[in-house]
Amino acid sequence: MMKQGGFTLVEMLIVIAVIAILAGVILTGVTGFQATARDTRRIGDMKNVQNFLELYFNRCGFYPGADDCSTASDPDTWAELTTAMQDITSNLPQPQSTNFEYDYGVDAAGGRLNYTIGAELERDNSVLDTDVDGASVDGVNCDDAGLVYCISS
């Protein structure tokens, strides 16, 4: 009688277990990459907003505030900043999640010549450590303990 070739049940279970372990390791590693990618996008958004703010400053001689250069109201929220920037761009970057907000503040007492923008990050990264640690700058909390990335003028 001829013996038929094939895998035993034990061999199949071992292969399935090895595949499951490898899949778990890969999925765990990918999660960190996704958070880093979202943080990279947030930082890119801050750089774009910085460019738009400089365009606004070149046009008006001060940072936003207002819908046009004639008014001096200060935006308190990112939505108000978006409205104030309508003449410069209708495509101001928006936060992708309500858990990780963007923030804007302007030095109203100093003639609106300085601003701070910030984004909450998901992961800590010493390379992204900002120079305005542990302080509230122009009303934006730039505390690294809260993983906030800030840019100031």
C-alpha atoms as a PDB file:
ATOM      1  CA  MET A   1       0.000   0.000   0.000  1.00  0.00           C
ATOM      2  CA  MET A   2       1.251   3.494  -0.881  1.00  0.00           C
ATOM      3  CA  LYS A   3       1.583   6.150   1.735  1.00  0.00           C
ATOM      4  CA  GLN A   4      -0.128   9.424   0.776  1.00  0.00           C
ATOM      5  CA  GLY A   5       1.828  12.662   1.308  1.00  0.00           C
ATOM      6  CA  GLY A   6       0.429  15.608   3.192  1.00  0.00           C
ATOM      7  CA  PHE A   7       0.620  17.625   6.343  1.00  0.00           C
ATOM      8  CA  THR A   8      -0.443  16.357   9.709  1.00  0.00           C
ATOM      9  CA  LEU A   9      -2.789  18.283  11.924  1.00  0.00           C
ATOM     10  CA  VAL A  10       0.066  19.186  14.301  1.00  0.00           C
ATOM     11  CA  GLU A  11       2.165  20.595  11.441  1.00  0.00           C
ATOM     12  CA  MET A  12      -0.744  22.715  10.252  1.00  0.00           C
ATOM     13  CA  LEU A  13      -1.365  24.087  13.762  1.00  0.00           C
ATOM     14  CA  ILE A  14       2.310  25.028  14.129  1.00  0.00           C
ATOM     15  CA  VAL A  15       2.294  26.900  10.805  1.00  0.00           C
ATOM     16  CA  ILE A  16      -0.910  28.747  11.738  1.00  0.00           C
ATOM     17  CA  ALA A  17       0.554  29.711  15.130  1.00  0.00           C
ATOM     18  CA  VAL A  18       3.747  31.061  13.512  1.00  0.00           C
ATOM     19  CA  ILE A  19       1.727  33.098  10.996  1.00  0.00           C
ATOM     20  CA  ALA A  20      -0.461  34.510  13.796  1.00  0.00           C
ATOM     21  CA  ILE A  21       2.601  35.569  15.821  1.00  0.00           C
ATOM     22  CA  LEU A  22       4.190  37.264  12.795  1.00  0.00           C
ATOM     23  CA  ALA A  23       0.945  39.066  11.950  1.00  0.00           C
ATOM     24  CA  GLY A  24       0.663  40.338  15.528  1.00  0.00           C
ATOM     25  CA  VAL A  25       4.214  41.684  15.493  1.00  0.00           C
ATOM     26  CA  ILE A  26       3.682  43.436  12.149  1.00  0.00           C
ATOM     27  CA  LEU A  27       0.357  45.007  13.162  1.00  0.00           C
ATOM     28  CA  THR A  28       1.830  46.279  16.419  1.00  0.00           C
ATOM     29  CA  GLY A  29       4.695  47.937  14.549  1.00  0.00           C
ATOM     30  CA  VAL A  30       2.436  49.533  11.929  1.00  0.00           C
ATOM     31  CA  THR A  31       0.335  51.305  14.573  1.00  0.00           C
ATOM     32  CA  GLY A  32       3.338  53.391  15.652  1.00  0.00           C
ATOM     33  CA  PHE A  33       4.118  54.329  12.065  1.00  0.00           C
ATOM     34  CA  GLN A  34       0.563  55.548  11.537  1.00  0.00           C
ATOM     35  CA  ALA A  35       0.713  57.822  14.603  1.00  0.00           C
ATOM     36  CA  THR A  36       4.061  59.194  13.439  1.00  0.00           C
ATOM     37  CA  ALA A  37       2.619  59.842   9.980  1.00  0.00           C
ATOM     38  CA  ARG A  38      -0.333  61.751  11.463  1.00  0.00           C
ATOM     39  CA  ASP A  39       2.072  63.830  13.585  1.00  0.00           C
ATOM     40  CA  THR A  40       4.176  64.561  10.498  1.00  0.00           C
ATOM     41  CA  ARG A  41       1.066  65.812   8.737  1.00  0.00           C
ATOM     42  CA  ARG A  42       0.207  68.052  11.707  1.00  0.00           C
ATOM     43  CA  ILE A  43       3.697  69.575  11.635  1.00  0.00           C
ATOM     44  CA  GLY A  44       3.415  70.094   7.879  1.00  0.00           C
ATOM     45  CA  ASP A  45       0.070  71.796   8.440  1.00  0.00           C
ATOM     46  CA  MET A  46       1.711  74.166  10.956  1.00  0.00           C
ATOM     47  CA  LYS A  47       4.408  75.065   8.396  1.00  0.00           C
ATOM     48  CA  ASN A  48       1.719  75.794   5.777  1.00  0.00           C
ATOM     49  CA  VAL A  49      -0.218  77.969   8.216  1.00  0.00           C
ATOM     50  CA  GLN A  50       3.015  79.805   9.046  1.00  0.00           C
ATOM     51  CA  ASN A  51       3.435  80.624   5.342  1.00  0.00           C
ATOM     52  CA  PHE A  52      -0.173  81.848   5.079  1.00  0.00           C
ATOM     53  CA  LEU A  53       0.282  84.004   8.195  1.00  0.00           C
ATOM     54  CA  GLU A  54       3.345  85.638   6.658  1.00  0.00           C
ATOM     55  CA  LEU A  55       1.346  86.397   3.496  1.00  0.00           C
ATOM     56  CA  TYR A  56      -1.326  87.989   5.682  1.00  0.00           C
ATOM     57  CA  PHE A  57       1.314  90.032   7.510  1.00  0.00           C
ATOM     58  CA  ASN A  58       2.797  91.250   4.212  1.00  0.00           C
ATOM     59  CA  ARG A  59      -0.620  92.423   3.114  1.00  0.00           C
ATOM     60  CA  CYS A  60      -1.857  93.967   6.370  1.00  0.00           C
ATOM     61  CA  GLY A  61       1.203  94.796   8.471  1.00  0.00           C
ATOM     62  CA  PHE A  62      -0.057  92.674  11.396  1.00  0.00           C
ATOM     63  CA  TYR A  63      -1.202  89.101  12.045  1.00  0.00           C
ATOM     64  CA  PRO A  64      -4.888  88.091  11.906  1.00  0.00           C
ATOM     65  CA  GLY A  65      -7.476  89.126  13.451  1.00  0.00           C
ATOM     66  CA  ALA A  66      -9.929  90.363  11.124  1.00  0.00           C
ATOM     67  CA  ASP A  67     -11.658  89.424   7.889  1.00  0.00           C
ATOM     68  CA  ASP A  68      -9.783  92.275   6.272  1.00  0.00           C
ATOM     69  CA  CYS A  69      -6.961  94.598   7.256  1.00  0.00           C
ATOM     70  CA  SER A  70      -9.275  97.335   8.534  1.00  0.00           C
ATOM     71  CA  THR A  71     -10.548  95.604  11.690  1.00  0.00           C
ATOM     72  CA  ALA A  72      -8.583  94.570  14.751  1.00  0.00           C
ATOM     73  CA  SER A  73     -10.510  91.666  16.264  1.00  0.00           C
ATOM     74  CA  ASP A  74      -8.501  88.671  17.430  1.00  0.00           C
ATOM     75  CA  PRO A  75      -9.543  85.111  16.575  1.00  0.00           C
ATOM     76  CA  ASP A  76      -9.923  82.886  19.628  1.00  0.00           C
ATOM     77  CA  THR A  77     -10.441  79.586  17.802  1.00  0.00           C
ATOM     78  CA  TRP A  78      -9.047  77.822  14.753  1.00  0.00           C
ATOM     79  CA  ALA A  79     -12.420  78.303  13.020  1.00  0.00           C
ATOM     80  CA  GLU A  80     -12.190  82.073  13.572  1.00  0.00           C
ATOM     81  CA  LEU A  81      -8.631  82.065  12.194  1.00  0.00           C
ATOM     82  CA  THR A  82      -9.894  80.195   9.131  1.00  0.00           C
ATOM     83  CA  THR A  83     -12.504  82.918   8.612  1.00  0.00           C
ATOM     84  CA  ALA A  84      -9.938  85.679   9.101  1.00  0.00           C
ATOM     85  CA  MET A  85      -7.652  84.107   6.493  1.00  0.00           C
ATOM     86  CA  GLN A  86     -10.313  83.873   3.747  1.00  0.00           C
ATOM     87  CA  ASP A  87      -8.674  86.639   1.682  1.00  0.00           C
ATOM     88  CA  ILE A  88      -5.343  84.773   1.735  1.00  0.00           C
ATOM     89  CA  THR A  89      -6.547  81.189   1.359  1.00  0.00           C
ATOM     90  CA  SER A  90      -9.782  79.265   1.436  1.00  0.00           C
ATOM     91  CA  ASN A  91      -7.810  76.119   2.167  1.00  0.00           C
ATOM     92  CA  LEU A  92      -6.295  76.641   5.621  1.00  0.00           C
ATOM     93  CA  PRO A  93      -5.277  73.216   7.043  1.00  0.00           C
ATOM     94  CA  GLN A  94      -7.786  71.793   9.506  1.00  0.00           C
ATOM     95  CA  PRO A  95      -7.225  69.252  12.301  1.00  0.00           C
ATOM     96  CA  GLN A  96      -8.012  65.701  11.233  1.00  0.00           C
ATOM     97  CA  SER A  97      -9.300  64.719  14.670  1.00  0.00           C
ATOM     98  CA  THR A  98     -11.078  66.523  17.483  1.00  0.00           C
ATOM     99  CA  ASN A  99      -8.683  64.774  19.893  1.00  0.00           C
ATOM    100  CA  PHE A 100      -5.684  66.619  18.424  1.00  0.00           C
ATOM    101  CA  GLU A 101      -6.575  70.280  17.987  1.00  0.00           C
ATOM    102  CA  TYR A 102      -4.727  73.158  16.324  1.00  0.00           C
ATOM    103  CA  ASP A 103      -4.406  76.420  18.224  1.00  0.00           C
ATOM    104  CA  TYR A 104      -3.583  80.028  17.340  1.00  0.00           C
ATOM    105  CA  GLY A 105      -2.775  83.028  19.465  1.00  0.00           C
ATOM    106  CA  VAL A 106      -1.662  86.557  18.676  1.00  0.00           C
ATOM    107  CA  ASP A 107       0.021  89.179  20.860  1.00  0.00           C
ATOM    108  CA  ALA A 108      -2.795  91.730  20.757  1.00  0.00           C
ATOM    109  CA  ALA A 109      -1.120  94.001  23.325  1.00  0.00           C
ATOM    110  CA  GLY A 110       2.020  94.196  21.184  1.00  0.00           C
ATOM    111  CA  GLY A 111       0.233  95.445  18.087  1.00  0.00           C
ATOM    112  CA  ARG A 112      -0.385  91.930  16.731  1.00  0.00           C
ATOM    113  CA  LEU A 113       3.214  91.639  15.522  1.00  0.00           C
ATOM    114  CA  ASN A 114       3.802  88.186  17.051  1.00  0.00           C
ATOM    115  CA  TYR A 115       1.835  84.955  16.884  1.00  0.00           C
ATOM    116  CA  THR A 116       2.051  81.369  18.110  1.00  0.00           C
ATOM    117  CA  ILE A 117       0.481  78.354  16.458  1.00  0.00           C
ATOM    118  CA  GLY A 118       0.423  74.894  17.956  1.00  0.00           C
ATOM    119  CA  ALA A 119      -0.684  71.342  17.269  1.00  0.00           C
ATOM    120  CA  GLU A 120      -1.214  68.495  19.710  1.00  0.00           C
ATOM    121  CA  LEU A 121       0.874  65.445  18.813  1.00  0.00           C
ATOM    122  CA  GLU A 122       0.281  61.761  19.471  1.00  0.00           C
ATOM    123  CA  ARG A 123       3.880  60.685  20.086  1.00  0.00           C
ATOM    124  CA  ASP A 124       6.868  62.215  21.836  1.00  0.00           C
ATOM    125  CA  ASN A 125       9.871  63.068  19.675  1.00  0.00           C
ATOM    126  CA  SER A 126      12.925  64.891  21.003  1.00  0.00           C
ATOM    127  CA  VAL A 127      13.740  66.141  17.498  1.00  0.00           C
ATOM    128  CA  LEU A 128      10.479  68.098  17.484  1.00  0.00           C
ATOM    129  CA  ASP A 129      11.181  69.724  20.837  1.00  0.00           C
ATOM    130  CA  THR A 130      10.292  73.414  20.510  1.00  0.00           C
ATOM    131  CA  ASP A 131      12.027  76.422  22.057  1.00  0.00           C
ATOM    132  CA  VAL A 132       8.922  77.606  23.897  1.00  0.00           C
ATOM    133  CA  ASP A 133       8.709  74.743  26.397  1.00  0.00           C
ATOM    134  CA  GLY A 134       6.388  74.754  29.339  1.00  0.00           C
ATOM    135  CA  ALA A 135       4.821  78.120  28.693  1.00  0.00           C
ATOM    136  CA  SER A 136       1.677  79.678  27.396  1.00  0.00           C
ATOM    137  CA  VAL A 137       2.738  81.883  24.493  1.00  0.00           C
ATOM    138  CA  ASP A 138       0.164  84.297  23.063  1.00  0.00           C
ATOM    139  CA  GLY A 139      -2.538  82.159  24.670  1.00  0.00           C
ATOM    140  CA  VAL A 140      -1.292  78.867  23.155  1.00  0.00           C
ATOM    141  CA  ASN A 141      -0.169  76.203  25.639  1.00  0.00           C
ATOM    142  CA  CYS A 142       3.257  75.074  24.409  1.00  0.00           C
ATOM    143  CA  ASP A 143       3.939  72.551  27.168  1.00  0.00           C
ATOM    144  CA  ASP A 144       5.950  69.579  25.875  1.00  0.00           C
ATOM    145  CA  ALA A 145       4.483  67.383  28.613  1.00  0.00           C
ATOM    146  CA  GLY A 146       1.214  67.680  26.696  1.00  0.00           C
ATOM    147  CA  LEU A 147       3.060  66.810  23.452  1.00  0.00           C
ATOM    148  CA  VAL A 148       2.340  70.141  21.791  1.00  0.00           C
ATOM    149  CA  TYR A 149       4.383  71.361  18.839  1.00  0.00           C
ATOM    150  CA  CYS A 150       4.535  75.167  18.647  1.00  0.00           C
ATOM    151  CA  ILE A 151       5.833  77.723  16.168  1.00  0.00           C
ATOM    152  CA  SER A 152       6.198  81.361  17.197  1.00  0.00           C
ATOM    153  CA  SER A 153       7.048  84.408  15.155  1.00  0.00           C
END
